[in-house]
């Protein structure tokens, strides 16, 4: 069985933090510049998904059974999430309304990601085969160019059930580029590791470039996207947010390359393992963080004591981000516990 790469899980959690930061704009902060800092989230997560997909499809044979299994791993918790969001809307259940929301992935806005990822799971084996069979600089550029061209009509000319953002675009529109790029990084990981301690020079350079690019995004306010061939903005990712995600992805990758050349203190490894643990539960953070951000948050605002505490920005941030992390983990635990016990009831 393929060993999980701890840096990937940590990077996934960094992506979740970006998503939560984006979704709390005007709630925990008012600065547009701070909002721009969060714009890496979607592109980073798709790059990591492509990286993981290549590792997965390269170590096991292709097959519809495996594709189906991966899709069901997304659809089962998604179905539970749709039911919960449908019920908390008005505390009633209508199967017709539930079915409509389930089909359109719109019980809550972030649920679009489920359909986006299902599309990527389906196209994954084909892309993996293309990436694996086309080595060399020229062929790599040609494949990426071909995917970039395919992304033009996928972004501009497709609409799947009016699902929000990249979920409603064929193969995620521009995100198929990031997915393929992530696969190529995974393919050449052994070569990248040879860079070794040279990353000590590269990481600061990339960090400066990233900061400067975020400053540009803040000033430009995504106007550059109106001039691009993709005509997108935040979702699916365009030139601005896409390059930001690539820079951050490369920095995190190079940090992992650097750490492989070092003997890390035990406490550093423990901290890394903790954030990696959180990163392994990203699907539940995606599905349920807004349940706690909006529904429970606004419910508690009715309390006079909570309202008074809420005026303290430190309390507000600790409470909101804390509950958006702890809440989905609790729901995951309960759902898995229920699944195990119900399975035993039917089997026995």
Protein backbone atom coordinates (compact mmCIF):
# COMPACT_ATOMS: atom_id res chain seq x y z
CA UNK A 1 0.00 0.00 0.00
CA UNK A 2 1.29 3.47 -0.91
CA UNK A 3 2.55 5.43 2.09
CA UNK A 4 0.91 8.81 2.65
CA UNK A 5 3.16 11.79 2.15
CA UNK A 6 2.85 13.95 5.23
CA UNK A 7 3.63 17.20 3.37
CA UNK A 8 0.61 16.65 1.10
CA UNK A 9 -1.74 16.34 4.07
CA UNK A 10 -0.24 19.46 5.68
CA UNK A 11 -0.65 21.35 2.40
CA UNK A 12 -4.27 20.18 2.19
CA UNK A 13 -4.92 21.68 5.62
CA UNK A 14 -3.25 24.91 4.50
CA UNK A 15 -5.74 24.89 1.63
CA UNK A 16 -8.61 24.45 4.10
CA UNK A 17 -7.37 27.42 6.15
CA UNK A 18 -7.39 29.50 2.96
CA UNK A 19 -10.96 28.43 2.21
CA UNK A 20 -12.12 29.28 5.74
CA UNK A 21 -10.32 32.62 5.59
CA UNK A 22 -12.08 33.39 2.30
CA UNK A 23 -15.49 32.46 3.68
CA UNK A 24 -15.10 34.66 6.78
CA UNK A 25 -14.43 37.85 4.83
CA UNK A 26 -16.40 40.70 6.49
CA UNK A 27 -17.01 38.45 9.52
CA UNK A 28 -13.54 38.23 11.09
CA UNK A 29 -11.85 40.90 8.98
CA UNK A 30 -12.74 43.68 6.52
CA UNK A 31 -9.54 44.06 4.48
CA UNK A 32 -9.76 43.13 0.78
CA UNK A 33 -6.01 42.56 0.85
CA UNK A 34 -6.49 39.90 3.52
CA UNK A 35 -9.19 38.30 1.38
CA UNK A 36 -6.71 38.12 -1.51
CA UNK A 37 -4.32 36.19 0.74
CA UNK A 38 -6.87 33.36 0.81
CA UNK A 39 -7.26 33.07 -2.96
CA UNK A 40 -4.74 30.25 -3.28
CA UNK A 41 -7.07 27.67 -1.72
CA UNK A 42 -8.85 26.11 -4.69
CA UNK A 43 -5.85 26.00 -7.04
CA UNK A 44 -3.61 24.54 -4.31
CA UNK A 45 -6.09 21.82 -3.49
CA UNK A 46 -6.45 20.76 -7.13
CA UNK A 47 -2.66 20.67 -7.61
CA UNK A 48 -2.45 18.38 -4.58
CA UNK A 49 -5.32 16.28 -5.89
CA UNK A 50 -3.51 15.79 -9.19
CA UNK A 51 -0.34 14.87 -7.31
CA UNK A 52 -2.22 12.29 -5.22
CA UNK A 53 -4.14 10.98 -8.22
CA UNK A 54 -0.97 10.17 -10.14
CA UNK A 55 0.46 8.36 -7.12
CA UNK A 56 -2.78 6.42 -6.74
CA UNK A 57 -3.36 5.45 -10.35
CA UNK A 58 0.31 4.63 -10.93
CA UNK A 59 0.51 2.12 -8.08
CA UNK A 60 -2.69 0.22 -8.82
CA UNK A 61 -4.28 -0.96 -12.09
CA UNK A 62 -6.96 1.14 -13.70
CA UNK A 63 -10.51 -0.10 -13.58
CA UNK A 64 -14.11 1.06 -13.40
CA UNK A 65 -14.44 -0.66 -10.03
CA UNK A 66 -11.79 1.59 -8.53
CA UNK A 67 -13.36 4.70 -10.10
CA UNK A 68 -16.74 3.70 -8.69
CA UNK A 69 -15.26 3.11 -5.23
CA UNK A 70 -13.62 6.54 -5.21
CA UNK A 71 -16.85 8.22 -6.35
CA UNK A 72 -18.87 6.46 -3.65
CA UNK A 73 -16.34 7.59 -1.04
CA UNK A 74 -17.39 11.13 -1.99
CA UNK A 75 -21.12 10.55 -2.53
CA UNK A 76 -21.91 8.82 0.77
CA UNK A 77 -20.77 11.68 3.07
CA UNK A 78 -22.14 14.14 0.49
CA UNK A 79 -25.60 12.58 0.77
CA UNK A 80 -25.48 12.92 4.54
CA UNK A 81 -24.36 16.56 4.20
CA UNK A 82 -27.20 17.35 1.78
CA UNK A 83 -29.73 15.83 4.18
CA UNK A 84 -28.37 17.85 7.13
CA UNK A 85 -28.30 21.16 5.23
CA UNK A 86 -31.80 20.52 3.84
CA UNK A 87 -33.15 19.81 7.30
CA UNK A 88 -31.55 22.79 9.10
CA UNK A 89 -32.96 25.17 6.46
CA UNK A 90 -36.47 24.98 7.93
CA UNK A 91 -36.36 21.91 10.24
CA UNK A 92 -38.59 19.90 7.88
CA UNK A 93 -37.79 17.22 5.33
CA UNK A 94 -39.19 17.05 1.81
CA UNK A 95 -37.81 14.21 -0.28
CA UNK A 96 -38.54 16.09 -3.50
CA UNK A 97 -36.61 19.13 -2.29
CA UNK A 98 -33.82 16.94 -0.95
CA UNK A 99 -33.52 15.10 -4.27
CA UNK A 100 -33.39 18.38 -6.21
CA UNK A 101 -30.59 19.71 -4.00
CA UNK A 102 -28.75 16.37 -4.15
CA UNK A 103 -28.79 16.33 -7.96
CA UNK A 104 -27.78 19.99 -8.28
CA UNK A 105 -25.16 19.99 -5.50
CA UNK A 106 -26.62 23.21 -4.10
CA UNK A 107 -27.78 22.37 -0.58
CA UNK A 108 -24.81 24.52 0.41
CA UNK A 109 -22.39 26.42 -1.82
CA UNK A 110 -19.14 24.49 -1.06
CA UNK A 111 -20.83 21.20 -1.99
CA UNK A 112 -20.13 22.02 -5.64
CA UNK A 113 -16.68 20.64 -4.92
CA UNK A 114 -18.06 17.10 -4.66
CA UNK A 115 -19.22 17.09 -8.28
CA UNK A 116 -15.99 18.78 -9.36
CA UNK A 117 -13.95 16.06 -7.71
CA UNK A 118 -16.14 13.29 -9.15
CA UNK A 119 -15.40 14.66 -12.63
CA UNK A 120 -11.68 14.64 -11.86
CA UNK A 121 -11.90 11.07 -10.54
CA UNK A 122 -13.52 9.98 -13.81
CA UNK A 123 -10.96 11.71 -16.04
CA UNK A 124 -8.07 10.83 -13.71
CA UNK A 125 -7.05 7.47 -15.24
CA UNK A 126 -6.96 8.97 -18.75
CA UNK A 127 -4.84 11.93 -17.68
CA UNK A 128 -2.56 9.66 -15.66
CA UNK A 129 -2.02 7.44 -18.70
CA UNK A 130 -1.24 10.46 -20.90
CA UNK A 131 1.18 11.91 -18.33
CA UNK A 132 2.89 8.57 -17.73
CA UNK A 133 3.35 7.81 -21.42
CA UNK A 134 4.62 11.25 -22.43
CA UNK A 135 8.04 12.02 -21.00
CA UNK A 136 10.61 14.57 -22.02
CA UNK A 137 10.42 18.35 -22.06
CA UNK A 138 8.79 18.76 -25.49
CA UNK A 139 6.08 16.15 -24.91
CA UNK A 140 5.33 17.53 -21.45
CA UNK A 141 4.87 21.04 -22.87
CA UNK A 142 2.65 19.66 -25.65
CA UNK A 143 0.44 17.79 -23.18
CA UNK A 144 0.07 20.84 -20.94
CA UNK A 145 -0.64 23.00 -24.00
CA UNK A 146 -3.30 20.55 -25.20
CA UNK A 147 -4.95 20.47 -21.77
CA UNK A 148 -4.83 24.29 -21.61
CA UNK A 149 -6.59 24.48 -24.99
CA UNK A 150 -9.25 21.97 -23.90
CA UNK A 151 -9.81 24.11 -20.81
CA UNK A 152 -10.89 27.10 -22.97
CA UNK A 153 -14.23 25.68 -24.18
CA UNK A 154 -14.61 23.72 -20.92
CA UNK A 155 -14.52 27.01 -19.00
CA UNK A 156 -16.37 29.29 -21.41
CA UNK A 157 -18.88 26.99 -23.13
CA UNK A 158 -20.09 24.43 -20.59
CA UNK A 159 -22.71 24.56 -17.86
CA UNK A 160 -23.59 21.42 -15.92
CA UNK A 161 -26.91 21.78 -14.06
CA UNK A 162 -25.96 25.38 -13.15
CA UNK A 163 -23.75 24.02 -10.37
CA UNK A 164 -21.71 26.74 -8.72
CA UNK A 165 -18.21 27.62 -9.93
CA UNK A 166 -15.86 24.94 -11.22
CA UNK A 167 -18.37 22.22 -10.34
CA UNK A 168 -20.59 23.37 -13.19
CA UNK A 169 -17.76 23.37 -15.74
CA UNK A 170 -16.69 20.28 -17.67
CA UNK A 171 -13.73 18.77 -15.78
CA UNK A 172 -13.61 21.92 -13.67
CA UNK A 173 -12.74 24.22 -16.58
CA UNK A 174 -9.28 25.70 -15.97
CA UNK A 175 -8.75 23.38 -12.99
CA UNK A 176 -7.96 20.47 -15.28
CA UNK A 177 -4.69 22.32 -16.03
CA UNK A 178 -3.73 22.36 -12.34
CA UNK A 179 -4.78 18.72 -11.98
CA UNK A 180 -2.50 17.69 -14.85
CA UNK A 181 0.35 19.86 -13.56
CA UNK A 182 0.08 18.17 -10.17
CA UNK A 183 0.40 14.80 -11.90
CA UNK A 184 3.60 15.87 -13.66
CA UNK A 185 5.08 17.02 -10.35
CA UNK A 186 4.33 13.59 -8.87
CA UNK A 187 5.87 11.88 -11.89
CA UNK A 188 9.13 13.81 -11.50
CA UNK A 189 9.27 13.80 -7.69
CA UNK A 190 12.50 11.77 -7.62
CA UNK A 191 14.18 14.37 -9.82
CA UNK A 192 12.84 17.22 -7.67
CA UNK A 193 14.28 15.59 -4.54
CA UNK A 194 17.75 15.86 -6.08
CA UNK A 195 17.58 19.65 -5.68
CA UNK A 196 18.21 19.03 -1.98
CA UNK A 197 19.64 21.93 0.02
CA UNK A 198 19.59 24.22 -3.01
CA UNK A 199 15.99 24.85 -1.99
CA UNK A 200 17.42 27.07 0.79
CA UNK A 201 18.06 29.62 -1.95
CA UNK A 202 14.94 28.91 -4.00
CA UNK A 203 12.38 29.08 -1.17
CA UNK A 204 13.07 32.74 -0.19
CA UNK A 205 13.08 33.78 -3.85
CA UNK A 206 9.74 32.09 -4.46
CA UNK A 207 8.34 33.56 -1.24
CA UNK A 208 9.24 37.10 -2.33
CA UNK A 209 7.68 36.45 -5.75
CA UNK A 210 4.53 35.15 -4.09
CA UNK A 211 4.19 38.17 -1.81
CA UNK A 212 4.69 40.53 -4.73
CA UNK A 213 2.10 38.61 -6.75
CA UNK A 214 -0.47 38.85 -3.93
CA UNK A 215 0.16 42.59 -3.81
CA UNK A 216 -0.50 42.70 -7.55
CA UNK A 217 -3.74 40.74 -7.14
CA UNK A 218 -4.86 43.18 -4.46
CA UNK A 219 -4.18 46.19 -6.68
CA UNK A 220 -5.46 44.61 -9.90
CA UNK A 221 -8.64 43.21 -8.29
CA UNK A 222 -8.72 40.35 -10.82
CA UNK A 223 -9.01 42.71 -13.80
CA UNK A 224 -6.34 40.69 -15.60
CA UNK A 225 -8.83 37.83 -15.87
CA UNK A 226 -11.14 39.87 -18.11
CA UNK A 227 -8.32 40.00 -20.69
CA UNK A 228 -7.45 36.30 -20.56
CA UNK A 229 -8.82 33.63 -22.88
CA UNK A 230 -10.55 31.90 -19.96
CA UNK A 231 -12.61 34.90 -18.74
CA UNK A 232 -12.82 33.52 -15.21
CA UNK A 233 -12.06 34.97 -11.79
CA UNK A 234 -11.96 33.10 -8.48
CA UNK A 235 -13.82 29.93 -9.34
CA UNK A 236 -12.63 28.28 -11.45
CA UNK A 237 -9.17 29.71 -10.84
CA UNK A 238 -7.75 32.14 -13.39
CA UNK A 239 -4.28 33.53 -14.08
CA UNK A 240 -4.08 35.56 -10.86
CA UNK A 241 -5.17 32.95 -8.35
CA UNK A 242 -3.68 30.12 -10.38
CA UNK A 243 -0.14 31.48 -10.36
CA UNK A 244 -0.51 32.27 -6.65
CA UNK A 245 -1.49 28.64 -5.97
CA UNK A 246 1.41 27.31 -8.07
CA UNK A 247 3.93 29.47 -6.19
CA UNK A 248 2.63 28.35 -2.79
CA UNK A 249 2.49 24.70 -3.90
CA UNK A 250 6.12 24.91 -5.05
CA UNK A 251 7.24 26.53 -1.79
CA UNK A 252 5.59 23.82 0.32
CA UNK A 253 7.07 21.12 -1.94
CA UNK A 254 10.57 22.61 -1.66
CA UNK A 255 10.25 22.85 2.13
CA UNK A 256 9.53 19.11 2.16
CA UNK A 257 12.56 18.51 -0.09
CA UNK A 258 14.69 20.56 2.31
CA UNK A 259 13.40 18.76 5.41
CA UNK A 260 14.31 15.42 3.86
CA UNK A 261 17.96 16.48 4.02
CA UNK A 262 17.68 17.30 7.75
CA UNK A 263 17.08 15.51 11.03
CA UNK A 264 14.11 17.27 12.57
CA UNK A 265 13.49 17.58 16.32
CA UNK A 266 10.78 15.31 17.69
CA UNK A 267 8.55 18.26 18.62
CA UNK A 268 8.63 19.50 15.02
CA UNK A 269 7.61 16.05 13.77
CA UNK A 270 4.76 15.94 16.30
CA UNK A 271 3.45 19.32 15.15
CA UNK A 272 3.71 18.19 11.51
CA UNK A 273 1.81 14.99 12.31
CA UNK A 274 -0.96 16.99 14.00
CA UNK A 275 -1.52 19.26 10.99
CA UNK A 276 -1.23 16.26 8.66
CA UNK A 277 -3.98 14.55 10.68
CA UNK A 278 -6.24 17.56 10.13
CA UNK A 279 -5.35 17.55 6.43
CA UNK A 280 -6.60 13.98 6.08
CA UNK A 281 -10.14 15.13 6.88
CA UNK A 282 -10.49 17.91 4.32
CA UNK A 283 -13.62 16.49 2.67
CA UNK A 284 -15.56 17.01 5.90
CA UNK A 285 -14.15 20.51 6.38
CA UNK A 286 -15.33 21.35 2.86
CA UNK A 287 -18.80 19.95 3.46
CA UNK A 288 -19.57 21.10 6.97
CA UNK A 289 -17.59 24.21 7.90
CA UNK A 290 -20.40 26.55 6.78
CA UNK A 291 -22.90 24.61 8.86
CA UNK A 292 -21.04 25.88 11.92
CA UNK A 293 -20.01 29.22 10.45
CA UNK A 294 -23.54 30.35 9.64
CA UNK A 295 -26.24 28.25 11.29
CA UNK A 296 -24.74 27.64 14.74
CA UNK A 297 -22.93 30.98 14.68
CA UNK A 298 -26.08 33.03 14.02
CA UNK A 299 -28.07 30.91 16.46
CA UNK A 300 -25.62 31.70 19.27
CA UNK A 301 -25.63 35.39 18.35
CA UNK A 302 -29.10 35.52 19.88
CA UNK A 303 -27.46 35.04 23.26
CA UNK A 304 -26.71 38.39 24.93
CA UNK A 305 -23.56 37.02 26.59
CA UNK A 306 -22.26 35.63 23.32
CA UNK A 307 -22.97 38.92 21.53
CA UNK A 308 -20.92 40.77 24.11
CA UNK A 309 -18.02 38.31 23.76
CA UNK A 310 -18.36 38.44 19.98
CA UNK A 311 -17.32 42.10 20.01
CA UNK A 312 -13.83 40.92 20.96
CA UNK A 313 -12.07 40.16 17.65
CA UNK A 314 -9.73 37.62 19.29
CA UNK A 315 -12.64 35.65 20.75
CA UNK A 316 -14.50 35.90 17.45
CA UNK A 317 -11.58 34.42 15.47
CA UNK A 318 -10.79 31.69 18.02
CA UNK A 319 -14.46 30.71 18.23
CA UNK A 320 -15.26 30.73 14.53
CA UNK A 321 -12.12 29.04 13.20
CA UNK A 322 -12.05 26.65 16.14
CA UNK A 323 -15.62 25.50 15.64
CA UNK A 324 -15.17 25.25 11.85
CA UNK A 325 -12.36 22.76 12.53
CA UNK A 326 -13.76 20.86 15.52
CA UNK A 327 -17.36 20.71 14.26
CA UNK A 328 -16.74 18.81 10.99
CA UNK A 329 -14.40 16.40 12.81
CA UNK A 330 -17.18 15.66 15.30
CA UNK A 331 -19.70 15.07 12.50
CA UNK A 332 -17.27 12.73 10.73
CA UNK A 333 -16.84 10.73 13.93
CA UNK A 334 -20.60 10.46 14.51
CA UNK A 335 -21.35 9.46 10.91
CA UNK A 336 -18.65 6.80 10.85
CA UNK A 337 -19.80 5.49 14.23
CA UNK A 338 -23.40 5.30 12.97
CA UNK A 339 -22.33 3.65 9.72
CA UNK A 340 -20.42 0.96 11.59
CA UNK A 341 -23.30 0.17 13.94
CA UNK A 342 -25.98 0.20 11.22
CA UNK A 343 -23.84 -2.09 9.08
CA UNK A 344 -23.59 -4.57 11.98
CA UNK A 345 -27.36 -4.43 12.51
CA UNK A 346 -28.10 -5.39 8.91
CA UNK A 347 -25.35 -8.01 8.67
CA UNK A 348 -26.25 -9.71 11.93
